[in-house]
Amino acid sequence: MSGFKNTTSTTSQDPNALRPGFTPQSENWNGRLAMIGFLSVVLIEALTGQGFLHFWGIL
């Protein structure tokens, strides 16, 4: 089989790898961080009894 090129990729196909740009991996991380942020806001509002902006003194 001489003459055939090795077509394996040199980059890992790990779905959790951090890569710059608009890649599926970066969209996964963006979604995870958004979920953490949203959950944090909900917990702050539930535990303190005031809105997120009032908690930080913005309103």
C-alpha atoms as a PDB file:
ATOM      1  CA  MET A   1       0.000   0.000   0.000  1.00  0.00           C
ATOM      2  CA  SER A   2       2.704   2.437  -0.814  1.00  0.00           C
ATOM      3  CA  GLY A   3       1.416   5.694  -2.226  1.00  0.00           C
ATOM      4  CA  PHE A   4      -1.385   6.143   0.291  1.00  0.00           C
ATOM      5  CA  LYS A   5      -1.194   9.099   2.607  1.00  0.00           C
ATOM      6  CA  ASN A   6      -1.826   8.878   6.325  1.00  0.00           C
ATOM      7  CA  THR A   7      -5.107  10.762   6.765  1.00  0.00           C
ATOM      8  CA  THR A   8      -5.168  10.793  10.558  1.00  0.00           C
ATOM      9  CA  SER A   9      -5.539  14.204  12.119  1.00  0.00           C
ATOM     10  CA  THR A  10      -2.810  15.633  14.315  1.00  0.00           C
ATOM     11  CA  THR A  11      -5.342  17.402  16.548  1.00  0.00           C
ATOM     12  CA  SER A  12      -7.327  15.520  19.125  1.00  0.00           C
ATOM     13  CA  GLN A  13     -11.034  15.042  18.582  1.00  0.00           C
ATOM     14  CA  ASP A  14     -11.779  15.458  22.273  1.00  0.00           C
ATOM     15  CA  PRO A  15     -15.203  17.163  22.568  1.00  0.00           C
ATOM     16  CA  ASN A  16     -14.059  18.915  25.758  1.00  0.00           C
ATOM     17  CA  ALA A  17     -10.844  20.363  24.315  1.00  0.00           C
ATOM     18  CA  LEU A  18     -10.452  24.131  24.431  1.00  0.00           C
ATOM     19  CA  ARG A  19      -9.942  25.552  20.955  1.00  0.00           C
ATOM     20  CA  PRO A  20     -10.288  29.161  19.777  1.00  0.00           C
ATOM     21  CA  GLY A  21     -12.844  30.173  17.180  1.00  0.00           C
ATOM     22  CA  PHE A  22     -16.366  29.067  16.360  1.00  0.00           C
ATOM     23  CA  THR A  23     -15.945  25.356  16.869  1.00  0.00           C
ATOM     24  CA  PRO A  24     -18.385  22.863  18.373  1.00  0.00           C
ATOM     25  CA  GLN A  25     -16.066  22.573  21.380  1.00  0.00           C
ATOM     26  CA  SER A  26     -16.158  26.311  22.057  1.00  0.00           C
ATOM     27  CA  GLU A  27     -19.942  26.303  21.747  1.00  0.00           C
ATOM     28  CA  ASN A  28     -20.103  23.476  24.299  1.00  0.00           C
ATOM     29  CA  TRP A  29     -17.999  25.491  26.751  1.00  0.00           C
ATOM     30  CA  ASN A  30     -20.026  28.639  26.081  1.00  0.00           C
ATOM     31  CA  GLY A  31     -23.234  26.765  26.899  1.00  0.00           C
ATOM     32  CA  ARG A  32     -21.768  25.243  30.064  1.00  0.00           C
ATOM     33  CA  LEU A  33     -20.571  28.599  31.359  1.00  0.00           C
ATOM     34  CA  ALA A  34     -23.929  30.184  30.526  1.00  0.00           C
ATOM     35  CA  MET A  35     -25.711  27.459  32.522  1.00  0.00           C
ATOM     36  CA  ILE A  36     -23.404  28.049  35.498  1.00  0.00           C
ATOM     37  CA  GLY A  37     -24.057  31.797  35.329  1.00  0.00           C
ATOM     38  CA  PHE A  38     -27.820  31.349  35.099  1.00  0.00           C
ATOM     39  CA  LEU A  39     -27.859  28.891  37.992  1.00  0.00           C
ATOM     40  CA  SER A  40     -25.757  31.314  40.057  1.00  0.00           C
ATOM     41  CA  VAL A  41     -28.257  34.127  39.485  1.00  0.00           C
ATOM     42  CA  VAL A  42     -31.184  31.873  40.407  1.00  0.00           C
ATOM     43  CA  LEU A  43     -29.448  30.720  43.603  1.00  0.00           C
ATOM     44  CA  ILE A  44     -28.558  34.289  44.636  1.00  0.00           C
ATOM     45  CA  GLU A  45     -32.163  35.370  44.166  1.00  0.00           C
ATOM     46  CA  ALA A  46     -33.534  32.322  45.992  1.00  0.00           C
ATOM     47  CA  LEU A  47     -31.156  32.528  48.962  1.00  0.00           C
ATOM     48  CA  THR A  48     -31.158  36.312  49.507  1.00  0.00           C
ATOM     49  CA  GLY A  49     -34.773  37.073  48.625  1.00  0.00           C
ATOM     50  CA  GLN A  50     -33.798  40.015  46.434  1.00  0.00           C
ATOM     51  CA  GLY A  51     -33.101  40.425  42.758  1.00  0.00           C
ATOM     52  CA  PHE A  52     -29.668  39.973  41.250  1.00  0.00           C
ATOM     53  CA  LEU A  53     -29.203  43.687  40.508  1.00  0.00           C
ATOM     54  CA  HIS A  54     -30.380  44.673  43.997  1.00  0.00           C
ATOM     55  CA  PHE A  55     -27.986  42.135  45.508  1.00  0.00           C
ATOM     56  CA  TRP A  56     -25.020  43.839  43.820  1.00  0.00           C
ATOM     57  CA  GLY A  57     -26.338  47.335  44.642  1.00  0.00           C
ATOM     58  CA  ILE A  58     -26.922  48.357  41.054  1.00  0.00           C
ATOM     59  CA  LEU A  59     -30.604  49.224  41.551  1.00  0.00           C
END
